[in-house]
Each structure stands twice: as C-alpha cells, then as structure tokens.
C-alpha cells in the first residue's frame, strides 16, 4: 500500500466534501492530528475508523486502499482478479491437504511396521505382546482416518461418463482403486462405474 498516495486521496475526498481536518476529526471522534498523519502518509486509519471514514467521504474501502477512484470496468477487473487469486489459493490449500494425507499414511505405515517389529523382538510371545500389537494397529488407524478426512475435503470427483461432480464417502475413499489423480467410483447421477478425475476445488 502506498500511504502517501492514500493520504493525498483522503485530502482530495475531504476537500470535495468541503470538510476541514477538524470537522472530519469531529465526525470520527478523533483528533485532527490523526487526520493530518493520514493525509501526510505517516499512518493509516484503524479498520473500524476506516469504515466510518469511507462512509463520510462516500468512497469504498477498496478505493481508499488503492488511493484512487475506481470505475466500474476497473472494479470488474479487480473483482475477477480477486476471484482468480482466491481460487488459486484454494487449489494450493487442497494440494497441501492431499500431500499431507499421503505423508500421514506413509509415515504411519512405516511407524506401524517398526513398532510391530520392536514389539516382536523385545516382548516375549504372550497376551501382552498381542495387546501391544493391537494397540499399535489402532494407533495406525487413527492418523489414517485423519488422512482420509483430508482426502474427502480436498475437492470433488468428476464422472467421466456424465461429468457429474460429487464427493465420495469414507468407505469409497478407503476401499476403491485409485491412481494419484483418478479413482474408480460409481457415479450417483448416471450409476456407471468410471475412473473419475480428481478436481482440487469445491
């Protein structure tokens, strides 16, 4: 943000409203020294004051932060850019979740094998050994459930036959065949089994 530009814009808008710094400060219940700091670019208004300031000057928060008036065409462009950026951020977030799911499952499997091996070597064969092995398996299942939850939450699948988009349940996630980007699923719309494409957004 260019505070100098924003400060000049506040000055311009204030003068268009025929307000002095003291009058604007009175309307905002602050000192005129604060207004002076904004207009010289030394500081920025707090968010709660910013909303009231925009209301008095009859500008949008977006215009205030840009330091200029924005026409409808610019607004549309900025809105499209914002939507695109949000979509990209969501996709990156879902990719991180999916990657985390694979890491959790792989780490849990290695830990399970190591733990069972240690139990078998260190504890004589008896009821306690079996108890420890069952406990290790349960400890393996818990992170797997978390990983499956991540995989369900990261987007949806698209049916190859009818292009219907849907989210499979936990049982389908756990049991059905898959590749890194596709899963063999029965589409709830057309009822056919196809290799559905994973789409990393919702």
C-alpha atoms as a PDB file:
ATOM      1  CA  UNK A   1       0.000   0.000   0.000  1.00  0.00           C
ATOM      2  CA  UNK A   2       1.226   3.472  -0.894  1.00  0.00           C
ATOM      3  CA  UNK A   3       0.428   5.515   2.238  1.00  0.00           C
ATOM      4  CA  UNK A   4       1.469   8.788   0.578  1.00  0.00           C
ATOM      5  CA  UNK A   5      -0.952   8.171  -2.301  1.00  0.00           C
ATOM      6  CA  UNK A   6      -3.716   7.149   0.117  1.00  0.00           C
ATOM      7  CA  UNK A   7      -3.068  10.271   2.208  1.00  0.00           C
ATOM      8  CA  UNK A   8      -3.385  12.533  -0.836  1.00  0.00           C
ATOM      9  CA  UNK A   9      -6.587  10.727  -1.816  1.00  0.00           C
ATOM     10  CA  UNK A  10      -8.077  11.286   1.659  1.00  0.00           C
ATOM     11  CA  UNK A  11      -7.197  15.008   1.388  1.00  0.00           C
ATOM     12  CA  UNK A  12      -8.805  15.210  -2.052  1.00  0.00           C
ATOM     13  CA  UNK A  13     -12.003  13.472  -0.940  1.00  0.00           C
ATOM     14  CA  UNK A  14     -12.228  15.547   2.242  1.00  0.00           C
ATOM     15  CA  UNK A  15     -11.945  18.791   0.277  1.00  0.00           C
ATOM     16  CA  UNK A  16     -14.596  17.623  -2.192  1.00  0.00           C
ATOM     17  CA  UNK A  17     -16.917  17.259   0.803  1.00  0.00           C
ATOM     18  CA  UNK A  18     -15.958  20.780   1.958  1.00  0.00           C
ATOM     19  CA  UNK A  19     -14.707  19.431   5.268  1.00  0.00           C
ATOM     20  CA  UNK A  20     -11.778  20.738   7.276  1.00  0.00           C
ATOM     21  CA  UNK A  21      -9.469  18.351   9.093  1.00  0.00           C
ATOM     22  CA  UNK A  22     -11.089  19.433  12.359  1.00  0.00           C
ATOM     23  CA  UNK A  23     -14.615  18.772  11.056  1.00  0.00           C
ATOM     24  CA  UNK A  24     -13.678  15.331   9.729  1.00  0.00           C
ATOM     25  CA  UNK A  25     -11.942  14.528  13.014  1.00  0.00           C
ATOM     26  CA  UNK A  26     -15.051  15.583  14.952  1.00  0.00           C
ATOM     27  CA  UNK A  27     -17.250  13.308  12.820  1.00  0.00           C
ATOM     28  CA  UNK A  28     -14.889  10.410  13.531  1.00  0.00           C
ATOM     29  CA  UNK A  29     -14.446  11.251  17.246  1.00  0.00           C
ATOM     30  CA  UNK A  30     -10.662  11.522  16.908  1.00  0.00           C
ATOM     31  CA  UNK A  31      -8.135  14.377  16.933  1.00  0.00           C
ATOM     32  CA  UNK A  32      -7.321  16.453  13.857  1.00  0.00           C
ATOM     33  CA  UNK A  33      -3.673  15.460  14.413  1.00  0.00           C
ATOM     34  CA  UNK A  34      -4.647  11.885  13.423  1.00  0.00           C
ATOM     35  CA  UNK A  35      -6.226  13.199  10.209  1.00  0.00           C
ATOM     36  CA  UNK A  36      -3.038  15.137   9.476  1.00  0.00           C
ATOM     37  CA  UNK A  37      -0.947  11.979   9.905  1.00  0.00           C
ATOM     38  CA  UNK A  38      -3.185  10.080   7.470  1.00  0.00           C
ATOM     39  CA  UNK A  39      -3.043  12.821   4.874  1.00  0.00           C
ATOM     40  CA  UNK A  40       0.746  13.107   5.047  1.00  0.00           C
ATOM     41  CA  UNK A  41       1.119   9.335   4.749  1.00  0.00           C
ATOM     42  CA  UNK A  42       2.638   8.900   8.220  1.00  0.00           C
ATOM     43  CA  UNK A  43      -0.056   6.486   9.380  1.00  0.00           C
ATOM     44  CA  UNK A  44      -3.235   4.694   8.319  1.00  0.00           C
ATOM     45  CA  UNK A  45      -6.685   4.703   9.941  1.00  0.00           C
ATOM     46  CA  UNK A  46      -7.637   1.645  12.006  1.00  0.00           C
ATOM     47  CA  UNK A  47     -10.102  -0.691  10.303  1.00  0.00           C
ATOM     48  CA  UNK A  48     -13.124   0.321  12.405  1.00  0.00           C
ATOM     49  CA  UNK A  49     -12.410   4.021  11.746  1.00  0.00           C
ATOM     50  CA  UNK A  50     -11.699   3.238   8.082  1.00  0.00           C
ATOM     51  CA  UNK A  51     -15.285   2.064   7.525  1.00  0.00           C
ATOM     52  CA  UNK A  52     -16.709   5.240   9.060  1.00  0.00           C
ATOM     53  CA  UNK A  53     -14.244   7.375   7.078  1.00  0.00           C
ATOM     54  CA  UNK A  54     -15.303   5.726   3.801  1.00  0.00           C
ATOM     55  CA  UNK A  55     -18.951   6.305   4.688  1.00  0.00           C
ATOM     56  CA  UNK A  56     -18.358  10.031   5.333  1.00  0.00           C
ATOM     57  CA  UNK A  57     -16.238  10.506   2.186  1.00  0.00           C
ATOM     58  CA  UNK A  58     -18.633   8.304   0.144  1.00  0.00           C
ATOM     59  CA  UNK A  59     -15.921   6.023  -1.172  1.00  0.00           C
ATOM     60  CA  UNK A  60     -15.369   2.254  -0.940  1.00  0.00           C
ATOM     61  CA  UNK A  61     -12.698   0.656   1.235  1.00  0.00           C
ATOM     62  CA  UNK A  62     -11.155  -0.699  -1.976  1.00  0.00           C
ATOM     63  CA  UNK A  63     -10.889   2.832  -3.378  1.00  0.00           C
ATOM     64  CA  UNK A  64      -9.372   4.090  -0.135  1.00  0.00           C
ATOM     65  CA  UNK A  65      -6.718   1.352  -0.109  1.00  0.00           C
ATOM     66  CA  UNK A  66      -5.962   1.919  -3.809  1.00  0.00           C
ATOM     67  CA  UNK A  67      -5.740   5.674  -3.239  1.00  0.00           C
ATOM     68  CA  UNK A  68      -7.950   6.490  -6.224  1.00  0.00           C
ATOM     69  CA  UNK A  69     -11.486   6.338  -7.541  1.00  0.00           C
ATOM     70  CA  UNK A  70     -12.242   3.100  -9.381  1.00  0.00           C
ATOM     71  CA  UNK A  71     -14.635   2.987 -12.338  1.00  0.00           C
ATOM     72  CA  UNK A  72     -16.962   0.049 -12.979  1.00  0.00           C
ATOM     73  CA  UNK A  73     -14.655  -1.539 -15.537  1.00  0.00           C
ATOM     74  CA  UNK A  74     -11.743  -1.442 -13.095  1.00  0.00           C
ATOM     75  CA  UNK A  75     -13.982  -2.840 -10.358  1.00  0.00           C
ATOM     76  CA  UNK A  76     -14.898  -5.783 -12.582  1.00  0.00           C
ATOM     77  CA  UNK A  77     -11.245  -6.404 -13.430  1.00  0.00           C
ATOM     78  CA  UNK A  78     -10.202  -6.225  -9.784  1.00  0.00           C
ATOM     79  CA  UNK A  79     -13.090  -8.484  -8.735  1.00  0.00           C
ATOM     80  CA  UNK A  80     -12.144 -11.047 -11.402  1.00  0.00           C
ATOM     81  CA  UNK A  81      -8.516 -10.886 -10.277  1.00  0.00           C
ATOM     82  CA  UNK A  82      -9.569 -11.347  -6.650  1.00  0.00           C
ATOM     83  CA  UNK A  83     -11.789 -14.340  -7.519  1.00  0.00           C
ATOM     84  CA  UNK A  84      -8.967 -15.886  -9.584  1.00  0.00           C
ATOM     85  CA  UNK A  85      -6.489 -15.379  -6.735  1.00  0.00           C
ATOM     86  CA  UNK A  86      -8.885 -16.907  -4.211  1.00  0.00           C
ATOM     87  CA  UNK A  87      -9.394 -19.929  -6.483  1.00  0.00           C
ATOM     88  CA  UNK A  88      -5.623 -20.383  -6.833  1.00  0.00           C
ATOM     89  CA  UNK A  89      -5.165 -20.116  -3.064  1.00  0.00           C
ATOM     90  CA  UNK A  90      -7.919 -22.695  -2.501  1.00  0.00           C
ATOM     91  CA  UNK A  91      -6.307 -25.060  -5.001  1.00  0.00           C
ATOM     92  CA  UNK A  92      -2.901 -24.689  -3.321  1.00  0.00           C
ATOM     93  CA  UNK A  93      -4.532 -25.349   0.062  1.00  0.00           C
ATOM     94  CA  UNK A  94      -6.210 -28.524  -1.244  1.00  0.00           C
ATOM     95  CA  UNK A  95      -2.940 -29.726  -2.781  1.00  0.00           C
ATOM     96  CA  UNK A  96      -1.216 -29.265   0.579  1.00  0.00           C
ATOM     97  CA  UNK A  97      -4.021 -31.205   2.283  1.00  0.00           C
ATOM     98  CA  UNK A  98      -3.756 -34.059  -0.223  1.00  0.00           C
ATOM     99  CA  UNK A  99       0.032 -34.143   0.135  1.00  0.00           C
ATOM    100  CA  UNK A 100      -0.358 -34.175   3.931  1.00  0.00           C
ATOM    101  CA  UNK A 101      -2.725 -37.144   3.640  1.00  0.00           C
ATOM    102  CA  UNK A 102      -0.128 -39.181   1.724  1.00  0.00           C
ATOM    103  CA  UNK A 103       2.634 -38.194   4.152  1.00  0.00           C
ATOM    104  CA  UNK A 104       0.476 -39.170   7.155  1.00  0.00           C
ATOM    105  CA  UNK A 105      -0.396 -42.575   5.669  1.00  0.00           C
ATOM    106  CA  UNK A 106       3.195 -43.344   4.598  1.00  0.00           C
ATOM    107  CA  UNK A 107       4.649 -42.251   7.950  1.00  0.00           C
ATOM    108  CA  UNK A 108       2.030 -44.235   9.867  1.00  0.00           C
ATOM    109  CA  UNK A 109       2.725 -47.400   7.864  1.00  0.00           C
ATOM    110  CA  UNK A 110       6.483 -47.140   8.476  1.00  0.00           C
ATOM    111  CA  UNK A 111       5.886 -46.463  12.167  1.00  0.00           C
ATOM    112  CA  UNK A 112       3.489 -49.436  12.391  1.00  0.00           C
ATOM    113  CA  UNK A 113       5.986 -51.850  10.823  1.00  0.00           C
ATOM    114  CA  UNK A 114       8.794 -50.579  13.077  1.00  0.00           C
ATOM    115  CA  UNK A 115       6.613 -50.749  16.179  1.00  0.00           C
ATOM    116  CA  UNK A 116       5.391 -54.292  15.479  1.00  0.00           C
ATOM    117  CA  UNK A 117       8.974 -55.400  14.776  1.00  0.00           C
ATOM    118  CA  UNK A 118      10.176 -53.912  18.070  1.00  0.00           C
ATOM    119  CA  UNK A 119       7.285 -55.463  19.983  1.00  0.00           C
ATOM    120  CA  UNK A 120       8.039 -58.867  18.458  1.00  0.00           C
ATOM    121  CA  UNK A 121      11.758 -58.606  19.336  1.00  0.00           C
ATOM    122  CA  UNK A 122      11.503 -57.084  22.816  1.00  0.00           C
ATOM    123  CA  UNK A 123       8.357 -58.643  24.260  1.00  0.00           C
ATOM    124  CA  UNK A 124       8.067 -62.443  24.645  1.00  0.00           C
ATOM    125  CA  UNK A 125       5.155 -64.083  22.879  1.00  0.00           C
ATOM    126  CA  UNK A 126       2.243 -63.770  25.287  1.00  0.00           C
ATOM    127  CA  UNK A 127      -1.058 -61.982  25.783  1.00  0.00           C
ATOM    128  CA  UNK A 128       0.718 -58.683  26.483  1.00  0.00           C
ATOM    129  CA  UNK A 129       2.550 -58.877  23.136  1.00  0.00           C
ATOM    130  CA  UNK A 130      -0.744 -59.357  21.287  1.00  0.00           C
ATOM    131  CA  UNK A 131      -2.231 -56.450  23.244  1.00  0.00           C
ATOM    132  CA  UNK A 132       0.672 -54.191  22.218  1.00  0.00           C
ATOM    133  CA  UNK A 133       0.334 -55.195  18.552  1.00  0.00           C
ATOM    134  CA  UNK A 134      -3.397 -54.406  18.608  1.00  0.00           C
ATOM    135  CA  UNK A 135      -2.635 -51.049  20.273  1.00  0.00           C
ATOM    136  CA  UNK A 136      -0.067 -50.295  17.539  1.00  0.00           C
ATOM    137  CA  UNK A 137      -2.635 -51.084  14.825  1.00  0.00           C
ATOM    138  CA  UNK A 138      -5.174 -48.789  16.494  1.00  0.00           C
ATOM    139  CA  UNK A 139      -2.544 -46.032  16.625  1.00  0.00           C
ATOM    140  CA  UNK A 140      -2.030 -46.594  12.889  1.00  0.00           C
ATOM    141  CA  UNK A 141      -5.768 -46.402  12.123  1.00  0.00           C
ATOM    142  CA  UNK A 142      -6.282 -43.012  13.850  1.00  0.00           C
ATOM    143  CA  UNK A 143      -3.940 -40.988  11.572  1.00  0.00           C
ATOM    144  CA  UNK A 144      -5.312 -42.894   8.555  1.00  0.00           C
ATOM    145  CA  UNK A 145      -8.816 -41.672   9.427  1.00  0.00           C
ATOM    146  CA  UNK A 146      -7.452 -38.109   9.594  1.00  0.00           C
ATOM    147  CA  UNK A 147      -5.757 -38.617   6.219  1.00  0.00           C
ATOM    148  CA  UNK A 148      -8.977 -39.952   4.679  1.00  0.00           C
ATOM    149  CA  UNK A 149     -10.770 -36.878   6.026  1.00  0.00           C
ATOM    150  CA  UNK A 150      -8.198 -34.674   4.268  1.00  0.00           C
ATOM    151  CA  UNK A 151      -8.733 -36.585   1.028  1.00  0.00           C
ATOM    152  CA  UNK A 152     -12.525 -36.208   1.218  1.00  0.00           C
ATOM    153  CA  UNK A 153     -12.246 -32.486   1.921  1.00  0.00           C
ATOM    154  CA  UNK A 154      -9.866 -31.750  -0.953  1.00  0.00           C
ATOM    155  CA  UNK A 155     -12.230 -31.128  -3.837  1.00  0.00           C
ATOM    156  CA  UNK A 156     -14.535 -33.478  -5.710  1.00  0.00           C
ATOM    157  CA  UNK A 157     -14.545 -36.132  -8.439  1.00  0.00           C
ATOM    158  CA  UNK A 158     -15.934 -35.690 -11.943  1.00  0.00           C
ATOM    159  CA  UNK A 159     -17.679 -38.601 -13.648  1.00  0.00           C
ATOM    160  CA  UNK A 160     -16.050 -39.435 -16.990  1.00  0.00           C
ATOM    161  CA  UNK A 161     -19.417 -40.505 -18.422  1.00  0.00           C
ATOM    162  CA  UNK A 162     -21.808 -37.655 -17.491  1.00  0.00           C
ATOM    163  CA  UNK A 163     -19.458 -35.005 -15.998  1.00  0.00           C
ATOM    164  CA  UNK A 164     -21.461 -35.031 -12.748  1.00  0.00           C
ATOM    165  CA  UNK A 165     -19.379 -33.708  -9.820  1.00  0.00           C
ATOM    166  CA  UNK A 166     -19.619 -35.448  -6.446  1.00  0.00           C
ATOM    167  CA  UNK A 167     -17.723 -36.250  -3.249  1.00  0.00           C
ATOM    168  CA  UNK A 168     -17.302 -39.957  -2.387  1.00  0.00           C
ATOM    169  CA  UNK A 169     -17.874 -41.230   1.147  1.00  0.00           C
ATOM    170  CA  UNK A 170     -15.191 -42.525   3.528  1.00  0.00           C
ATOM    171  CA  UNK A 171     -15.807 -46.172   2.599  1.00  0.00           C
ATOM    172  CA  UNK A 172     -15.240 -45.439  -1.107  1.00  0.00           C
ATOM    173  CA  UNK A 173     -12.110 -43.427  -0.313  1.00  0.00           C
ATOM    174  CA  UNK A 174     -10.713 -46.295   1.765  1.00  0.00           C
ATOM    175  CA  UNK A 175     -11.608 -49.339  -0.358  1.00  0.00           C
ATOM    176  CA  UNK A 176     -11.832 -48.460  -4.051  1.00  0.00           C
ATOM    177  CA  UNK A 177      -8.944 -48.496  -6.517  1.00  0.00           C
ATOM    178  CA  UNK A 178      -7.188 -45.238  -7.277  1.00  0.00           C
ATOM    179  CA  UNK A 179      -4.296 -43.514  -9.023  1.00  0.00           C
ATOM    180  CA  UNK A 180      -2.807 -40.159  -7.910  1.00  0.00           C
ATOM    181  CA  UNK A 181      -5.427 -38.237  -9.936  1.00  0.00           C
ATOM    182  CA  UNK A 182      -8.294 -40.710 -10.556  1.00  0.00           C
ATOM    183  CA  UNK A 183     -10.449 -43.132  -8.595  1.00  0.00           C
ATOM    184  CA  UNK A 184     -12.757 -45.933  -9.727  1.00  0.00           C
ATOM    185  CA  UNK A 185     -16.182 -44.751  -8.494  1.00  0.00           C
ATOM    186  CA  UNK A 186     -19.858 -45.350  -9.157  1.00  0.00           C
ATOM    187  CA  UNK A 187     -21.462 -42.076 -10.215  1.00  0.00           C
ATOM    188  CA  UNK A 188     -24.570 -41.257  -8.122  1.00  0.00           C
ATOM    189  CA  UNK A 189     -26.069 -39.472 -11.156  1.00  0.00           C
ATOM    190  CA  UNK A 190     -25.715 -41.966 -14.053  1.00  0.00           C
ATOM    191  CA  UNK A 191     -24.994 -45.084 -11.955  1.00  0.00           C
ATOM    192  CA  UNK A 192     -21.968 -46.125 -14.028  1.00  0.00           C
ATOM    193  CA  UNK A 193     -18.543 -47.140 -12.753  1.00  0.00           C
ATOM    194  CA  UNK A 194     -15.815 -44.954 -14.275  1.00  0.00           C
ATOM    195  CA  UNK A 195     -12.332 -43.683 -13.474  1.00  0.00           C
ATOM    196  CA  UNK A 196     -13.370 -40.291 -12.126  1.00  0.00           C
ATOM    197  CA  UNK A 197     -10.986 -37.330 -12.310  1.00  0.00           C
ATOM    198  CA  UNK A 198      -9.966 -35.609  -9.072  1.00  0.00           C
ATOM    199  CA  UNK A 199     -10.657 -31.846  -9.154  1.00  0.00           C
ATOM    200  CA  UNK A 200      -8.811 -29.885  -6.451  1.00  0.00           C
ATOM    201  CA  UNK A 201     -11.507 -27.339  -5.608  1.00  0.00           C
ATOM    202  CA  UNK A 202     -15.098 -27.269  -4.353  1.00  0.00           C
END
